[in-house]
Amino acid sequence: MATNHSIKKVISEIKSELSELYPVNEIDSFIFLIFDHLLGISRTQLLLSKENEINEGTFLKINNIISELKSYRPIQYILGETEFYDLKFKVFDNILIPRPETEELVDWIIKDHSNTSIKILDIGTGSGCIAVSLAKNMPNAVVYASDISELALKAAETNSKINNTSLHLLQFDILNPPSDQDKKFDIIVSNPPYVTEKEKSLMQQNVLDYEPELALFVPDNDPLLFYRSILDFGLQHLKPKGNIYFEINEAFGQEMISLMQKKGFSDNILLRDINGKDRMVRGIKNS
């Protein structure tokens, strides 16, 4: 990296160091994230400050970040934070990084139920991005977050505190849910594992090397494994006419609609995400 520590020169060196590893637009995104994280400056401020010099400590931190990016470690894990639905979230190793498409699921729920006093359960909460975002934007809702992982629940609790929200945490395995669970919910939402094993070859190396497999993959011969269990759970724990929302694998949109109908959910809707892919479904419990 450069000995001249002007922002302009450092940016040029970052682009040079990463040019053979990442697309240009992704490198640009890295640059803005790095300077925002280390110096707290916006994109506009960065563009206006290119002649400014950075100190040696910041320069060394940038060097370390670039080294980790060269090993394809995701930028969110390196910085330890990300943004989701205009909120800041801490990112922990072995916890799935929140995705932009999941913001669309959150937005759908908020628009459908914005001012209502309801009880919501987020199943497989991970970082807590869905649960925390709903709690932050639906002040009349009581939000529960469940996960099989104690580590995930601690991450969700941390992110809830960061964003000044209140979550009720539940630890259980949705594939073997507890029989003594007696709570009833108005909404159940989940973004469960849905990537099939055969799709691994299509995924980026930084995801395969660093993100938790248990939060991503399902067997090729049973891709709707988690959805079936969650729908069965919903039949027992949703209030009459309660809503269930899912993020899904784009390849199984129609299969999900059929499964929801068979399980006793009606008014089932399949929505595409911003990229035109079948990504979200919603159903209503019949009784």
C-alpha atoms as a PDB file:
ATOM      1  CA  MET A   1       0.000   0.000   0.000  1.00  0.00           C
ATOM      2  CA  ALA A   2       1.020   3.610  -0.486  1.00  0.00           C
ATOM      3  CA  THR A   3       3.310   5.607   1.805  1.00  0.00           C
ATOM      4  CA  ASN A   4       1.358   8.740   0.888  1.00  0.00           C
ATOM      5  CA  HIS A   5      -1.690   8.546   3.152  1.00  0.00           C
ATOM      6  CA  SER A   6      -3.998  10.921   1.291  1.00  0.00           C
ATOM      7  CA  ILE A   7      -7.502   9.483   0.974  1.00  0.00           C
ATOM      8  CA  LYS A   8      -7.232   9.781  -2.805  1.00  0.00           C
ATOM      9  CA  LYS A   9      -4.011   7.743  -2.930  1.00  0.00           C
ATOM     10  CA  VAL A  10      -5.269   5.133  -0.483  1.00  0.00           C
ATOM     11  CA  ILE A  11      -8.467   4.645  -2.487  1.00  0.00           C
ATOM     12  CA  SER A  12      -6.384   4.187  -5.634  1.00  0.00           C
ATOM     13  CA  GLU A  13      -4.269   1.546  -3.908  1.00  0.00           C
ATOM     14  CA  ILE A  14      -7.331  -0.317  -2.577  1.00  0.00           C
ATOM     15  CA  LYS A  15      -8.709  -0.520  -6.110  1.00  0.00           C
ATOM     16  CA  SER A  16      -5.371  -1.768  -7.413  1.00  0.00           C
ATOM     17  CA  GLU A  17      -4.976  -4.398  -4.685  1.00  0.00           C
ATOM     18  CA  LEU A  18      -8.480  -5.826  -5.185  1.00  0.00           C
ATOM     19  CA  SER A  19      -8.992  -5.319  -8.914  1.00  0.00           C
ATOM     20  CA  GLU A  20      -8.328  -8.932  -9.879  1.00  0.00           C
ATOM     21  CA  LEU A  21     -10.489 -10.350  -7.085  1.00  0.00           C
ATOM     22  CA  TYR A  22     -13.743  -8.349  -7.087  1.00  0.00           C
ATOM     23  CA  PRO A  23     -15.944  -6.432  -9.557  1.00  0.00           C
ATOM     24  CA  VAL A  24     -15.455  -2.650  -9.694  1.00  0.00           C
ATOM     25  CA  ASN A  25     -18.841  -1.847  -8.148  1.00  0.00           C
ATOM     26  CA  GLU A  26     -18.155  -4.181  -5.208  1.00  0.00           C
ATOM     27  CA  ILE A  27     -14.757  -2.583  -4.600  1.00  0.00           C
ATOM     28  CA  ASP A  28     -16.411   0.851  -4.610  1.00  0.00           C
ATOM     29  CA  SER A  29     -18.877  -0.418  -2.021  1.00  0.00           C
ATOM     30  CA  PHE A  30     -16.007  -1.751   0.120  1.00  0.00           C
ATOM     31  CA  ILE A  31     -14.299   1.646   0.007  1.00  0.00           C
ATOM     32  CA  PHE A  32     -17.354   3.531   1.233  1.00  0.00           C
ATOM     33  CA  LEU A  33     -17.994   0.962   3.966  1.00  0.00           C
ATOM     34  CA  ILE A  34     -14.382   1.047   5.163  1.00  0.00           C
ATOM     35  CA  PHE A  35     -14.192   4.828   5.428  1.00  0.00           C
ATOM     36  CA  ASP A  36     -17.613   5.065   7.030  1.00  0.00           C
ATOM     37  CA  HIS A  37     -16.606   2.431   9.587  1.00  0.00           C
ATOM     38  CA  LEU A  38     -13.169   3.861  10.405  1.00  0.00           C
ATOM     39  CA  LEU A  39     -13.763   7.609  10.042  1.00  0.00           C
ATOM     40  CA  GLY A  40     -17.555   7.965  10.194  1.00  0.00           C
ATOM     41  CA  ILE A  41     -17.738   9.858   6.921  1.00  0.00           C
ATOM     42  CA  SER A  42     -20.495   9.526   4.354  1.00  0.00           C
ATOM     43  CA  ARG A  43     -20.093   8.864   0.645  1.00  0.00           C
ATOM     44  CA  THR A  44     -20.492  12.563  -0.106  1.00  0.00           C
ATOM     45  CA  GLN A  45     -17.976  13.572   2.556  1.00  0.00           C
ATOM     46  CA  LEU A  46     -15.530  11.006   1.208  1.00  0.00           C
ATOM     47  CA  LEU A  47     -15.742  12.450  -2.288  1.00  0.00           C
ATOM     48  CA  LEU A  48     -15.135  15.939  -0.908  1.00  0.00           C
ATOM     49  CA  SER A  49     -12.216  14.894   1.322  1.00  0.00           C
ATOM     50  CA  LYS A  50      -9.937  13.064  -1.100  1.00  0.00           C
ATOM     51  CA  GLU A  51      -6.987  15.391  -0.528  1.00  0.00           C
ATOM     52  CA  ASN A  52      -7.125  14.890   3.239  1.00  0.00           C
ATOM     53  CA  GLU A  53      -4.547  12.657   4.883  1.00  0.00           C
ATOM     54  CA  ILE A  54      -5.348   9.764   7.205  1.00  0.00           C
ATOM     55  CA  ASN A  55      -3.234   8.927  10.237  1.00  0.00           C
ATOM     56  CA  GLU A  56      -0.931   5.942  10.497  1.00  0.00           C
ATOM     57  CA  GLY A  57      -3.286   3.979  12.756  1.00  0.00           C
ATOM     58  CA  THR A  58      -6.168   4.245  10.292  1.00  0.00           C
ATOM     59  CA  PHE A  59      -3.830   3.401   7.438  1.00  0.00           C
ATOM     60  CA  LEU A  60      -2.718   0.191   9.173  1.00  0.00           C
ATOM     61  CA  LYS A  61      -6.343  -0.787   9.866  1.00  0.00           C
ATOM     62  CA  ILE A  62      -7.148  -0.354   6.175  1.00  0.00           C
ATOM     63  CA  ASN A  63      -4.163  -2.542   5.289  1.00  0.00           C
ATOM     64  CA  ASN A  64      -5.496  -5.264   7.589  1.00  0.00           C
ATOM     65  CA  ILE A  65      -8.974  -5.041   6.082  1.00  0.00           C
ATOM     66  CA  ILE A  66      -7.589  -5.353   2.559  1.00  0.00           C
ATOM     67  CA  SER A  67      -5.572  -8.413   3.576  1.00  0.00           C
ATOM     68  CA  GLU A  68      -8.721 -10.084   4.871  1.00  0.00           C
ATOM     69  CA  LEU A  69     -10.681  -9.145   1.748  1.00  0.00           C
ATOM     70  CA  LYS A  70      -7.980 -10.858  -0.291  1.00  0.00           C
ATOM     71  CA  SER A  71      -8.867 -14.113   1.472  1.00  0.00           C
ATOM     72  CA  TYR A  72     -12.532 -13.512   0.508  1.00  0.00           C
ATOM     73  CA  ARG A  73     -13.651 -12.931   4.066  1.00  0.00           C
ATOM     74  CA  PRO A  74     -16.961 -11.024   3.843  1.00  0.00           C
ATOM     75  CA  ILE A  75     -16.638  -7.308   4.546  1.00  0.00           C
ATOM     76  CA  GLN A  76     -19.445  -7.521   7.133  1.00  0.00           C
ATOM     77  CA  TYR A  77     -17.474 -10.027   9.228  1.00  0.00           C
ATOM     78  CA  ILE A  78     -14.305  -7.951   8.887  1.00  0.00           C
ATOM     79  CA  LEU A  79     -15.971  -4.734  10.036  1.00  0.00           C
ATOM     80  CA  GLY A  80     -18.196  -6.542  12.533  1.00  0.00           C
ATOM     81  CA  GLU A  81     -21.286  -4.652  11.455  1.00  0.00           C
ATOM     82  CA  THR A  82     -23.769  -4.109   8.662  1.00  0.00           C
ATOM     83  CA  GLU A  83     -26.863  -2.065   7.889  1.00  0.00           C
ATOM     84  CA  PHE A  84     -30.309  -3.609   7.536  1.00  0.00           C
ATOM     85  CA  TYR A  85     -33.585  -1.739   7.067  1.00  0.00           C
ATOM     86  CA  ASP A  86     -31.754   1.516   7.954  1.00  0.00           C
ATOM     87  CA  LEU A  87     -30.592   0.071  11.277  1.00  0.00           C
ATOM     88  CA  LYS A  88     -27.093  -0.890  12.438  1.00  0.00           C
ATOM     89  CA  PHE A  89     -26.452  -4.549  13.283  1.00  0.00           C
ATOM     90  CA  LYS A  90     -23.415  -6.186  14.802  1.00  0.00           C
ATOM     91  CA  VAL A  91     -22.245  -9.146  12.714  1.00  0.00           C
ATOM     92  CA  PHE A  92     -20.845 -12.198  14.476  1.00  0.00           C
ATOM     93  CA  ASP A  93     -18.828 -15.114  13.119  1.00  0.00           C
ATOM     94  CA  ASN A  94     -21.004 -18.183  12.497  1.00  0.00           C
ATOM     95  CA  ILE A  95     -24.152 -16.046  12.268  1.00  0.00           C
ATOM     96  CA  LEU A  96     -25.678 -15.489   8.832  1.00  0.00           C
ATOM     97  CA  ILE A  97     -25.095 -12.012   7.388  1.00  0.00           C
ATOM     98  CA  PRO A  98     -28.397 -10.129   6.835  1.00  0.00           C
ATOM     99  CA  ARG A  99     -29.337  -9.874   3.159  1.00  0.00           C
ATOM    100  CA  PRO A 100     -30.951  -6.954   1.286  1.00  0.00           C
ATOM    101  CA  GLU A 101     -33.748  -9.160  -0.077  1.00  0.00           C
ATOM    102  CA  THR A 102     -34.829  -9.950   3.475  1.00  0.00           C
ATOM    103  CA  GLU A 103     -35.515  -6.234   3.935  1.00  0.00           C
ATOM    104  CA  GLU A 104     -38.328  -6.638   1.423  1.00  0.00           C
ATOM    105  CA  LEU A 105     -39.927  -9.321   3.590  1.00  0.00           C
ATOM    106  CA  VAL A 106     -39.746  -7.026   6.618  1.00  0.00           C
ATOM    107  CA  ASP A 107     -41.213  -4.173   4.604  1.00  0.00           C
ATOM    108  CA  TRP A 108     -44.147  -6.338   3.473  1.00  0.00           C
ATOM    109  CA  ILE A 109     -45.055  -7.223   7.065  1.00  0.00           C
ATOM    110  CA  ILE A 110     -44.777  -3.624   8.270  1.00  0.00           C
ATOM    111  CA  LYS A 111     -47.007  -2.357   5.460  1.00  0.00           C
ATOM    112  CA  ASP A 112     -49.603  -5.071   6.145  1.00  0.00           C
ATOM    113  CA  HIS A 113     -49.727  -4.571   9.925  1.00  0.00           C
ATOM    114  CA  SER A 114     -48.112  -1.220  10.759  1.00  0.00           C
ATOM    115  CA  ASN A 115     -50.343   0.153  13.516  1.00  0.00           C
ATOM    116  CA  THR A 116     -51.775  -3.008  15.014  1.00  0.00           C
ATOM    117  CA  SER A 117     -51.207  -4.439  18.489  1.00  0.00           C
ATOM    118  CA  ILE A 118     -50.055  -7.932  17.633  1.00  0.00           C
ATOM    119  CA  LYS A 119     -47.769 -10.727  18.748  1.00  0.00           C
ATOM    120  CA  ILE A 120     -45.046 -11.787  16.266  1.00  0.00           C
ATOM    121  CA  LEU A 121     -42.669 -14.764  16.252  1.00  0.00           C
ATOM    122  CA  ASP A 122     -39.521 -14.806  14.110  1.00  0.00           C
ATOM    123  CA  ILE A 123     -38.328 -18.409  13.722  1.00  0.00           C
ATOM    124  CA  GLY A 124     -34.592 -18.928  13.085  1.00  0.00           C
ATOM    125  CA  THR A 125     -33.791 -15.348  14.018  1.00  0.00           C
ATOM    126  CA  GLY A 126     -29.988 -15.509  13.552  1.00  0.00           C
ATOM    127  CA  SER A 127     -28.683 -11.954  13.956  1.00  0.00           C
ATOM    128  CA  GLY A 128     -32.185 -10.812  14.874  1.00  0.00           C
ATOM    129  CA  CYS A 129     -32.415  -8.591  11.796  1.00  0.00           C
ATOM    130  CA  ILE A 130     -36.072  -9.440  11.061  1.00  0.00           C
ATOM    131  CA  ALA A 131     -37.267  -9.385  14.665  1.00  0.00           C
ATOM    132  CA  VAL A 132     -35.409  -6.193  15.620  1.00  0.00           C
ATOM    133  CA  SER A 133     -36.524  -4.346  12.477  1.00  0.00           C
ATOM    134  CA  LEU A 134     -40.145  -5.302  13.102  1.00  0.00           C
ATOM    135  CA  ALA A 135     -39.932  -4.301  16.770  1.00  0.00           C
ATOM    136  CA  LYS A 136     -38.351  -0.967  15.844  1.00  0.00           C
ATOM    137  CA  ASN A 137     -40.949  -0.118  13.200  1.00  0.00           C
ATOM    138  CA  MET A 138     -44.030  -1.647  14.850  1.00  0.00           C
ATOM    139  CA  PRO A 139     -44.045  -0.147  18.354  1.00  0.00           C
ATOM    140  CA  ASN A 140     -47.410  -1.723  19.200  1.00  0.00           C
ATOM    141  CA  ALA A 141     -46.159  -5.247  18.470  1.00  0.00           C
ATOM    142  CA  VAL A 142     -44.768  -7.745  20.950  1.00  0.00           C
ATOM    143  CA  VAL A 143     -41.946  -9.570  19.156  1.00  0.00           C
ATOM    144  CA  TYR A 144     -40.545 -13.003  19.961  1.00  0.00           C
ATOM    145  CA  ALA A 145     -37.388 -14.397  18.361  1.00  0.00           C
ATOM    146  CA  SER A 146     -36.480 -18.085  18.362  1.00  0.00           C
ATOM    147  CA  ASP A 147     -33.422 -20.052  17.287  1.00  0.00           C
ATOM    148  CA  ILE A 148     -31.816 -23.415  17.953  1.00  0.00           C
ATOM    149  CA  SER A 149     -28.493 -21.647  18.562  1.00  0.00           C
ATOM    150  CA  GLU A 150     -27.672 -19.981  21.865  1.00  0.00           C
ATOM    151  CA  LEU A 151     -25.017 -17.965  20.018  1.00  0.00           C
ATOM    152  CA  ALA A 152     -27.661 -16.639  17.610  1.00  0.00           C
ATOM    153  CA  LEU A 153     -29.965 -15.652  20.463  1.00  0.00           C
ATOM    154  CA  LYS A 154     -27.115 -13.741  22.117  1.00  0.00           C
ATOM    155  CA  ALA A 155     -26.474 -11.957  18.812  1.00  0.00           C
ATOM    156  CA  ALA A 156     -30.166 -11.086  18.485  1.00  0.00           C
ATOM    157  CA  GLU A 157     -30.213  -9.801  22.069  1.00  0.00           C
ATOM    158  CA  THR A 158     -27.144  -7.629  21.406  1.00  0.00           C
ATOM    159  CA  ASN A 159     -28.693  -6.165  18.257  1.00  0.00           C
ATOM    160  CA  SER A 160     -31.959  -5.561  20.050  1.00  0.00           C
ATOM    161  CA  LYS A 161     -30.143  -3.507  22.702  1.00  0.00           C
ATOM    162  CA  ILE A 162     -28.146  -1.575  20.085  1.00  0.00           C
ATOM    163  CA  ASN A 163     -31.389  -0.531  18.407  1.00  0.00           C
ATOM    164  CA  ASN A 164     -33.339   0.112  21.617  1.00  0.00           C
ATOM    165  CA  THR A 165     -35.960  -2.554  21.040  1.00  0.00           C
ATOM    166  CA  SER A 166     -37.415  -5.285  23.207  1.00  0.00           C
ATOM    167  CA  LEU A 167     -37.345  -8.947  22.140  1.00  0.00           C
ATOM    168  CA  HIS A 168     -38.572 -12.064  23.912  1.00  0.00           C
ATOM    169  CA  LEU A 169     -36.093 -14.862  23.179  1.00  0.00           C
ATOM    170  CA  LEU A 170     -36.994 -18.540  22.814  1.00  0.00           C
ATOM    171  CA  GLN A 171     -34.518 -21.374  22.245  1.00  0.00           C
ATOM    172  CA  PHE A 172     -35.833 -24.448  20.439  1.00  0.00           C
ATOM    173  CA  ASP A 173     -35.317 -26.584  17.333  1.00  0.00           C
ATOM    174  CA  ILE A 174     -38.162 -25.968  14.894  1.00  0.00           C
ATOM    175  CA  LEU A 175     -37.674 -29.467  13.468  1.00  0.00           C
ATOM    176  CA  ASN A 176     -38.414 -30.804  16.968  1.00  0.00           C
ATOM    177  CA  PRO A 177     -40.432 -28.041  18.655  1.00  0.00           C
ATOM    178  CA  PRO A 178     -41.316 -28.334  22.348  1.00  0.00           C
ATOM    179  CA  SER A 179     -44.722 -29.794  23.138  1.00  0.00           C
ATOM    180  CA  ASP A 180     -45.237 -27.412  26.056  1.00  0.00           C
ATOM    181  CA  GLN A 181     -45.104 -24.259  23.923  1.00  0.00           C
ATOM    182  CA  ASP A 182     -48.510 -22.643  24.513  1.00  0.00           C
ATOM    183  CA  LYS A 183     -48.104 -19.122  23.132  1.00  0.00           C
ATOM    184  CA  LYS A 184     -50.355 -17.966  20.297  1.00  0.00           C
ATOM    185  CA  PHE A 185     -49.172 -15.502  17.669  1.00  0.00           C
ATOM    186  CA  ASP A 186     -50.800 -13.178  15.152  1.00  0.00           C
ATOM    187  CA  ILE A 187     -47.814 -13.469  12.794  1.00  0.00           C
ATOM    188  CA  ILE A 188     -45.088 -16.043  12.289  1.00  0.00           C
ATOM    189  CA  VAL A 189     -42.199 -15.084  10.014  1.00  0.00           C
ATOM    190  CA  SER A 190     -39.156 -17.076   8.981  1.00  0.00           C
ATOM    191  CA  ASN A 191     -36.179 -16.982   6.667  1.00  0.00           C
ATOM    192  CA  PRO A 192     -35.094 -20.606   7.159  1.00  0.00           C
ATOM    193  CA  PRO A 193     -32.301 -22.508   5.371  1.00  0.00           C
ATOM    194  CA  TYR A 194     -33.351 -22.982   1.750  1.00  0.00           C
ATOM    195  CA  VAL A 195     -30.277 -23.355  -0.485  1.00  0.00           C
ATOM    196  CA  THR A 196     -30.045 -26.887  -1.893  1.00  0.00           C
ATOM    197  CA  GLU A 197     -26.764 -28.779  -1.792  1.00  0.00           C
ATOM    198  CA  LYS A 198     -26.603 -28.854  -5.587  1.00  0.00           C
ATOM    199  CA  GLU A 199     -26.684 -25.042  -5.630  1.00  0.00           C
ATOM    200  CA  LYS A 200     -23.400 -24.823  -3.735  1.00  0.00           C
ATOM    201  CA  SER A 201     -21.453 -24.747  -6.980  1.00  0.00           C
ATOM    202  CA  LEU A 202     -23.253 -21.520  -7.942  1.00  0.00           C
ATOM    203  CA  MET A 203     -22.388 -19.687  -4.744  1.00  0.00           C
ATOM    204  CA  GLN A 204     -19.547 -17.259  -4.136  1.00  0.00           C
ATOM    205  CA  GLN A 205     -16.474 -18.505  -2.309  1.00  0.00           C
ATOM    206  CA  ASN A 206     -16.775 -15.924   0.476  1.00  0.00           C
ATOM    207  CA  VAL A 207     -20.183 -17.363   1.408  1.00  0.00           C
ATOM    208  CA  LEU A 208     -19.047 -20.993   1.275  1.00  0.00           C
ATOM    209  CA  ASP A 209     -15.855 -20.389   3.233  1.00  0.00           C
ATOM    210  CA  TYR A 210     -17.193 -18.171   6.000  1.00  0.00           C
ATOM    211  CA  GLU A 211     -20.971 -18.295   6.476  1.00  0.00           C
ATOM    212  CA  PRO A 212     -22.619 -21.042   8.569  1.00  0.00           C
ATOM    213  CA  GLU A 213     -23.750 -24.036   6.524  1.00  0.00           C
ATOM    214  CA  LEU A 214     -26.513 -24.902   8.987  1.00  0.00           C
ATOM    215  CA  ALA A 215     -28.180 -21.550   8.282  1.00  0.00           C
ATOM    216  CA  LEU A 216     -27.961 -21.952   4.513  1.00  0.00           C
ATOM    217  CA  PHE A 217     -28.335 -25.478   3.179  1.00  0.00           C
ATOM    218  CA  VAL A 218     -31.035 -28.117   2.914  1.00  0.00           C
ATOM    219  CA  PRO A 219     -30.906 -31.597   1.361  1.00  0.00           C
ATOM    220  CA  ASP A 220     -31.567 -31.849  -2.367  1.00  0.00           C
ATOM    221  CA  ASN A 221     -34.225 -34.499  -1.730  1.00  0.00           C
ATOM    222  CA  ASP A 222     -36.123 -32.408   0.861  1.00  0.00           C
ATOM    223  CA  PRO A 223     -35.732 -28.690   0.073  1.00  0.00           C
ATOM    224  CA  LEU A 224     -38.926 -27.654   1.909  1.00  0.00           C
ATOM    225  CA  LEU A 225     -37.976 -29.465   5.112  1.00  0.00           C
ATOM    226  CA  PHE A 226     -38.078 -26.389   7.347  1.00  0.00           C
ATOM    227  CA  TYR A 227     -41.162 -24.902   5.735  1.00  0.00           C
ATOM    228  CA  ARG A 228     -43.211 -28.005   6.476  1.00  0.00           C
ATOM    229  CA  SER A 229     -42.211 -27.937  10.130  1.00  0.00           C
ATOM    230  CA  ILE A 230     -42.877 -24.215  10.467  1.00  0.00           C
ATOM    231  CA  LEU A 231     -46.280 -24.530   8.790  1.00  0.00           C
ATOM    232  CA  ASP A 232     -47.198 -27.378  11.169  1.00  0.00           C
ATOM    233  CA  PHE A 233     -46.027 -25.236  14.081  1.00  0.00           C
ATOM    234  CA  GLY A 234     -48.118 -22.373  12.714  1.00  0.00           C
ATOM    235  CA  LEU A 235     -51.249 -24.513  12.642  1.00  0.00           C
ATOM    236  CA  GLN A 236     -50.796 -25.060  16.382  1.00  0.00           C
ATOM    237  CA  HIS A 237     -49.557 -21.634  17.432  1.00  0.00           C
ATOM    238  CA  LEU A 238     -51.115 -19.052  15.130  1.00  0.00           C
ATOM    239  CA  LYS A 239     -54.313 -17.401  16.225  1.00  0.00           C
ATOM    240  CA  PRO A 240     -57.358 -17.898  13.932  1.00  0.00           C
ATOM    241  CA  LYS A 241     -56.738 -15.994  10.695  1.00  0.00           C
ATOM    242  CA  GLY A 242     -53.115 -15.479  11.724  1.00  0.00           C
ATOM    243  CA  ASN A 243     -50.538 -14.684   9.035  1.00  0.00           C
ATOM    244  CA  ILE A 244     -47.405 -16.606   8.105  1.00  0.00           C
ATOM    245  CA  TYR A 245     -44.600 -15.068   6.035  1.00  0.00           C
ATOM    246  CA  PHE A 246     -41.545 -16.730   4.505  1.00  0.00           C
ATOM    247  CA  GLU A 247     -38.475 -15.881   2.502  1.00  0.00           C
ATOM    248  CA  ILE A 248     -37.996 -18.709  -0.011  1.00  0.00           C
ATOM    249  CA  ASN A 249     -35.722 -20.218  -2.623  1.00  0.00           C
ATOM    250  CA  GLU A 250     -36.680 -18.711  -5.971  1.00  0.00           C
ATOM    251  CA  ALA A 251     -36.875 -22.203  -7.493  1.00  0.00           C
ATOM    252  CA  PHE A 252     -39.725 -23.332  -5.231  1.00  0.00           C
ATOM    253  CA  GLY A 253     -42.327 -20.579  -5.380  1.00  0.00           C
ATOM    254  CA  GLN A 254     -45.174 -22.656  -6.766  1.00  0.00           C
ATOM    255  CA  GLU A 255     -44.233 -25.634  -4.610  1.00  0.00           C
ATOM    256  CA  MET A 256     -44.495 -23.396  -1.545  1.00  0.00           C
ATOM    257  CA  ILE A 257     -47.929 -22.140  -2.536  1.00  0.00           C
ATOM    258  CA  SER A 258     -49.103 -25.739  -3.025  1.00  0.00           C
ATOM    259  CA  LEU A 259     -47.621 -26.804   0.309  1.00  0.00           C
ATOM    260  CA  MET A 260     -49.323 -23.941   2.136  1.00  0.00           C
ATOM    261  CA  GLN A 261     -52.673 -24.824   0.588  1.00  0.00           C
ATOM    262  CA  LYS A 262     -52.285 -28.466   1.582  1.00  0.00           C
ATOM    263  CA  LYS A 263     -51.405 -27.481   5.140  1.00  0.00           C
ATOM    264  CA  GLY A 264     -54.552 -25.378   5.535  1.00  0.00           C
ATOM    265  CA  PHE A 265     -53.490 -21.840   4.657  1.00  0.00           C
ATOM    266  CA  SER A 266     -55.487 -19.646   2.294  1.00  0.00           C
ATOM    267  CA  ASP A 267     -55.110 -16.310   0.454  1.00  0.00           C
ATOM    268  CA  ASN A 268     -51.566 -17.409  -0.325  1.00  0.00           C
ATOM    269  CA  ILE A 269     -49.495 -14.789  -2.137  1.00  0.00           C
ATOM    270  CA  LEU A 270     -46.148 -15.208  -3.908  1.00  0.00           C
ATOM    271  CA  LEU A 271     -44.074 -12.050  -4.403  1.00  0.00           C
ATOM    272  CA  ARG A 272     -40.939 -11.366  -6.395  1.00  0.00           C
ATOM    273  CA  ASP A 273     -38.003  -9.429  -4.995  1.00  0.00           C
ATOM    274  CA  ILE A 274     -36.360  -6.357  -6.505  1.00  0.00           C
ATOM    275  CA  ASN A 275     -34.402  -8.642  -8.866  1.00  0.00           C
ATOM    276  CA  GLY A 276     -37.560 -10.264 -10.222  1.00  0.00           C
ATOM    277  CA  LYS A 277     -37.052 -13.567  -8.390  1.00  0.00           C
ATOM    278  CA  ASP A 278     -39.795 -15.448  -6.518  1.00  0.00           C
ATOM    279  CA  ARG A 279     -38.663 -14.639  -2.982  1.00  0.00           C
ATOM    280  CA  MET A 280     -41.541 -14.222  -0.483  1.00  0.00           C
ATOM    281  CA  VAL A 281     -44.826 -15.886   0.352  1.00  0.00           C
ATOM    282  CA  ARG A 282     -47.636 -15.097   2.728  1.00  0.00           C
ATOM    283  CA  GLY A 283     -50.562 -17.223   3.856  1.00  0.00           C
ATOM    284  CA  ILE A 284     -53.455 -16.955   6.310  1.00  0.00           C
ATOM    285  CA  LYS A 285     -54.447 -19.723   8.682  1.00  0.00           C
ATOM    286  CA  ASN A 286     -57.944 -20.857   7.760  1.00  0.00           C
ATOM    287  CA  SER A 287     -59.302 -21.023  11.301  1.00  0.00           C
END
